[in-house]
Protein backbone atom coordinates (compact mmCIF):
# COMPACT_ATOMS: atom_id res chain seq x y z
CA MET A 1 161.49 84.18 72.17
CA ARG A 2 161.86 87.70 70.71
CA GLY A 3 162.89 90.64 72.78
CA SER A 4 163.90 90.53 76.40
CA GLY A 5 161.90 89.12 79.27
CA THR A 6 162.16 87.49 82.65
CA VAL A 7 162.32 83.70 82.68
CA PRO A 8 159.98 82.07 85.25
CA THR A 9 161.74 80.64 88.27
CA MET A 10 160.98 77.05 87.18
CA VAL A 11 161.16 75.99 83.55
CA ALA A 12 160.86 72.59 81.90
CA MET A 13 164.21 72.78 80.18
CA SER A 14 167.79 73.56 81.02
CA THR A 15 168.66 77.17 80.25
CA LYS A 16 171.80 79.21 80.74
CA ALA A 17 172.22 82.90 80.11
CA GLY A 18 173.42 83.48 76.59
CA SER A 19 172.89 79.87 75.52
CA THR A 20 170.30 77.98 73.53
CA PRO A 21 167.74 76.10 75.67
CA THR A 22 168.22 72.35 75.54
CA SER A 23 165.64 69.68 76.19
CA SER A 24 166.03 67.88 79.52
CA ILE A 25 164.84 64.55 78.15
CA ALA A 26 167.69 62.17 77.31
CA PRO A 27 168.28 61.35 73.63
CA LEU A 28 166.38 58.28 72.51
CA SER A 29 169.49 56.17 71.97
CA ALA A 30 171.09 57.07 75.30
CA TRP A 31 169.00 54.79 77.50
CA ARG A 32 165.45 54.26 76.24
CA VAL A 33 166.29 51.87 73.40
CA PRO A 34 168.48 49.57 75.56
CA LEU A 35 165.75 49.47 78.23
CA PHE A 36 163.08 48.59 75.68
CA LEU A 37 165.21 45.90 74.04
CA SER A 38 166.17 44.45 77.42
CA GLY A 39 162.52 43.81 78.18
CA ILE A 40 161.93 42.17 74.81
CA ALA A 41 164.98 39.91 75.21
CA ALA A 42 163.92 38.94 78.74
CA ILE A 43 160.39 38.02 77.67
CA VAL A 44 161.48 36.00 74.62
CA GLY A 45 164.25 34.25 76.52
CA GLY A 46 162.06 33.60 79.54
CA ALA A 47 159.35 32.07 77.36
CA MET A 48 161.90 29.49 76.22
CA HIS A 49 162.77 28.41 79.76
CA PRO A 50 162.14 24.64 80.21
CA LYS A 51 159.72 23.58 82.92
CA SER A 52 161.18 22.00 86.03
CA ALA A 53 160.21 18.79 87.78
CA ASP A 54 157.98 19.07 90.83
CA SER A 55 160.71 18.33 93.33
CA HIS A 56 162.35 20.02 96.30
CA ALA A 57 165.75 18.56 95.36
CA VAL A 58 167.86 21.20 93.64
CA ALA A 59 169.81 18.69 91.55
CA GLU A 60 166.67 16.95 90.29
CA ARG A 61 164.86 20.20 89.51
CA THR A 62 167.81 21.66 87.64
CA ALA A 63 168.58 18.47 85.75
CA SER A 64 164.97 18.18 84.60
CA MET A 65 165.28 21.58 82.93
CA ILE A 66 168.64 20.92 81.30
CA VAL A 67 168.89 17.27 80.23
CA GLY A 68 167.23 16.89 76.84
CA HIS A 69 166.75 20.65 76.54
CA GLU A 70 170.36 21.77 76.22
CA GLY A 71 169.87 23.72 72.99
CA ILE A 72 166.85 25.69 74.11
CA TRP A 73 168.47 26.23 77.52
CA ILE A 74 171.49 27.89 75.93
CA VAL A 75 169.46 30.05 73.53
CA GLY A 76 166.88 31.11 76.09
CA HIS A 77 169.37 31.91 78.83
CA SER A 78 171.67 33.68 76.39
CA LEU A 79 168.78 35.96 75.47
CA MET A 80 168.04 36.62 79.14
CA THR A 81 171.71 37.39 79.73
CA ILE A 82 171.68 39.83 76.81
CA GLY A 83 168.54 41.37 78.28
CA ALA A 84 170.27 41.87 81.63
CA ALA A 85 173.28 43.45 79.91
CA LEU A 86 170.98 45.79 77.98
CA LEU A 87 169.23 46.75 81.21
CA LEU A 88 172.60 47.64 82.71
CA THR A 89 173.40 49.65 79.58
CA GLY A 90 170.12 51.51 79.93
CA PHE A 91 170.84 52.31 83.58
CA LEU A 92 174.30 53.61 82.69
CA GLY A 93 172.82 55.72 79.90
CA ALA A 94 170.17 57.15 82.20
CA ARG A 95 172.81 58.14 84.73
CA LYS A 96 175.02 59.73 82.08
CA ALA A 97 172.07 61.71 80.69
CA ASN A 98 170.83 62.61 84.19
CA ALA A 99 167.44 61.39 83.02
CA TRP A 100 166.27 60.39 86.53
CA PRO A 101 167.58 63.09 88.91
CA GLY A 102 164.94 62.27 91.50
CA ALA A 103 166.23 58.70 91.72
CA SER A 104 169.98 59.25 91.40
CA ARG A 105 170.79 57.52 94.69
CA ALA A 106 168.59 54.52 93.89
CA LEU A 107 170.17 54.33 90.43
CA SER A 108 173.64 54.29 91.99
CA PHE A 109 172.64 51.06 93.77
CA ALA A 110 170.76 49.60 90.80
CA ILE A 111 173.76 49.80 88.45
CA PRO A 112 176.12 47.46 90.37
CA ALA A 113 173.14 45.26 91.24
CA ALA A 114 172.33 44.94 87.53
CA ALA A 115 175.97 44.06 86.83
CA LEU A 116 175.77 41.32 89.45
CA SER A 117 172.61 40.06 87.77
CA VAL A 118 174.51 39.72 84.49
CA VAL A 119 177.13 37.59 86.23
CA ASP A 120 174.37 35.47 87.77
CA LEU A 121 172.77 34.81 84.39
CA VAL A 122 176.10 33.95 82.76
CA LEU A 123 176.68 31.32 85.45
CA HIS A 124 173.10 30.11 85.12
CA THR A 125 173.59 29.63 81.39
CA LEU A 126 176.75 27.63 82.09
CA ASP A 127 174.79 25.27 84.35
CA VAL A 128 174.12 23.37 81.13
CA LEU A 129 177.63 21.92 81.49
CA ASP A 130 176.56 20.15 84.69
CA GLY A 131 173.40 18.55 83.33
CA ASP A 132 174.59 14.94 83.31
CA GLU A 133 176.08 15.09 86.80
CA LEU A 134 173.00 16.84 88.16
CA ALA A 135 170.92 13.99 86.78
CA THR A 136 172.79 11.61 89.11
CA GLY A 137 171.75 13.67 92.11
CA ASN A 138 175.08 15.38 92.65
CA ILE A 139 175.53 19.15 92.65
CA PRO A 140 178.82 20.02 90.88
CA LEU A 141 181.03 22.94 91.90
CA LEU A 142 179.87 25.23 89.09
CA THR A 143 176.24 24.82 90.06
CA ARG A 144 177.08 25.31 93.74
CA VAL A 145 178.84 28.56 92.91
CA HIS A 146 175.90 29.67 90.83
CA LEU A 147 173.43 28.91 93.63
CA VAL A 148 175.37 31.15 96.01
CA VAL A 149 175.67 33.92 93.44
CA ALA A 150 171.98 33.56 92.52
CA LEU A 151 170.92 33.87 96.13
CA VAL A 152 172.96 37.03 96.67
CA ALA A 153 172.25 38.53 93.24
CA GLY A 154 168.52 37.85 93.47
CA VAL A 155 168.14 39.62 96.79
CA VAL A 156 170.47 42.52 95.94
CA PHE A 157 169.12 43.12 92.44
CA GLY A 158 165.49 42.64 93.44
CA LEU A 159 165.67 45.16 96.28
CA ALA A 160 167.69 47.63 94.20
CA PHE A 161 165.23 47.33 91.30
CA ALA A 162 162.23 47.81 93.58
CA GLY A 163 163.95 50.79 95.20
CA LEU A 164 164.62 52.38 91.82
CA ALA A 165 161.04 51.87 90.67
CA TRP A 166 159.75 53.32 93.95
CA SER A 167 162.03 56.35 93.70
CA LEU A 168 160.90 57.03 90.15
CA GLY A 169 157.25 56.56 91.12
CA ARG A 170 157.60 59.28 93.77
CA THR A 171 158.68 61.85 91.20
CA TRP A 172 156.70 60.73 88.17
CA GLY A 173 152.99 61.19 87.63
CA GLY A 174 150.23 59.78 85.46
CA PRO A 175 150.59 56.33 83.87
CA ARG A 176 154.25 56.18 84.87
CA GLN A 177 153.17 55.60 88.46
CA PHE A 178 151.43 52.40 87.36
CA VAL A 179 154.65 51.39 85.60
CA ALA A 180 156.53 52.10 88.82
CA ALA A 181 154.14 49.85 90.76
CA ILE A 182 154.85 47.00 88.35
CA GLY A 183 158.56 47.52 88.90
CA ILE A 184 158.19 47.48 92.68
CA VAL A 185 156.24 44.21 92.65
CA ALA A 186 158.70 42.66 90.18
CA GLY A 187 161.70 43.69 92.26
CA LEU A 188 160.28 42.34 95.51
CA ALA A 189 159.30 39.07 93.81
CA SER A 190 162.83 38.70 92.43
CA ALA A 191 164.35 39.43 95.82
CA ILE A 192 162.68 36.46 97.50
CA ALA A 193 162.36 34.10 94.52
CA VAL A 194 165.56 32.13 95.14
CA PRO A 195 165.02 31.66 98.91
CA VAL A 196 161.45 30.52 98.24
CA VAL A 197 162.48 27.95 95.66
CA LEU A 198 165.32 26.64 97.84
CA ILE A 199 163.12 26.34 100.93
CA PHE A 200 159.73 25.43 99.52
CA GLY A 201 160.50 24.24 95.99
CA ALA A 202 158.05 26.78 94.53
CA ASP A 203 159.22 28.79 91.56
CA ILE A 204 156.12 30.93 90.93
CA LEU A 205 157.96 34.13 91.90
CA PHE A 206 160.53 33.80 89.11
CA PRO A 207 158.10 34.56 86.26
CA ILE A 208 156.46 37.34 88.28
CA GLY A 209 159.81 39.02 88.80
CA ALA A 210 161.07 38.40 85.28
CA VAL A 211 157.92 39.38 83.37
CA GLY A 212 157.19 42.32 85.65
CA GLY A 213 160.73 43.61 85.31
CA ALA A 214 160.59 43.21 81.54
CA LEU A 215 157.29 45.10 81.31
CA TRP A 216 158.73 47.89 83.44
CA ALA A 217 161.75 48.16 81.14
CA ILE A 218 159.62 48.15 77.98
CA ALA A 219 157.17 50.73 79.32
CA THR A 220 159.92 52.99 80.65
CA GLY A 221 161.77 52.72 77.37
CA ILE A 222 158.63 53.72 75.47
CA THR A 223 157.46 56.57 77.70
CA GLY A 224 160.86 57.96 78.56
CA ALA A 225 161.27 60.47 81.38
CA PRO A 226 159.08 63.51 81.90
CA ALA A 227 160.60 66.90 81.19
CA LEU A 228 162.70 67.90 84.15
CA GLU A 229 162.10 71.14 85.97
CA ARG A 230 165.32 72.97 86.66
CA THR A 231 165.71 76.10 88.66
CA VAL A 232 166.82 79.22 86.81
CA PRO A 233 167.72 82.33 88.82
CA VAL A 234 165.02 84.99 88.72
CA GLY A 235 166.01 87.88 86.52
CA VAL A 236 167.97 85.88 83.94
CA THR A 237 166.94 87.09 80.54
CA THR A 238 166.83 85.39 77.16
CA THR A 239 166.71 86.75 73.68
């Protein structure tokens, strides 16, 4: 801008007197790319997940997915673990870039919840080591530990994810609100998926949570964050 003038009270970029205006949208590599890639990894890995037997018994259901499918189990769950780690990376990048100021509190809960989800998926991948014993009807220690972690992680991460999506939906407009709705549904589905499968033997909520969460990550990675409005004191001039 040439000459001297008064800057409006609200502007769509961060401005300080005597400094060059800077865009308020985070750099592409800071958080958008990891979010996008996390969704891709989750979808590809999830598509490789073996089908389980129609049984309420945890040992039988788990063994039916592992025994005879060890290779695809390891590859698919490794991809999902990488996806979870990339999601955590995206969250950390978004916080560092202050990309989601309207959801900073929700993000502070989502970050440790995402870290717990990574631990859960690492343990789930390692369940492959218990395949033979699970096939006998026994539940080994590693699988028992994973079941406890999965129950806690599923509820904590699901609620934190839904809360983050809801917080973003409150401050974002347009198509991003539809993306937020997908994230809310995915988070709530993830939160109750483990209890439902343990009580009723129904695993329909797992793909809803996983695919919905992946779509949210991909869409958010593509669209980014809207330009942030920051308050600039009235009377500050630029040249």
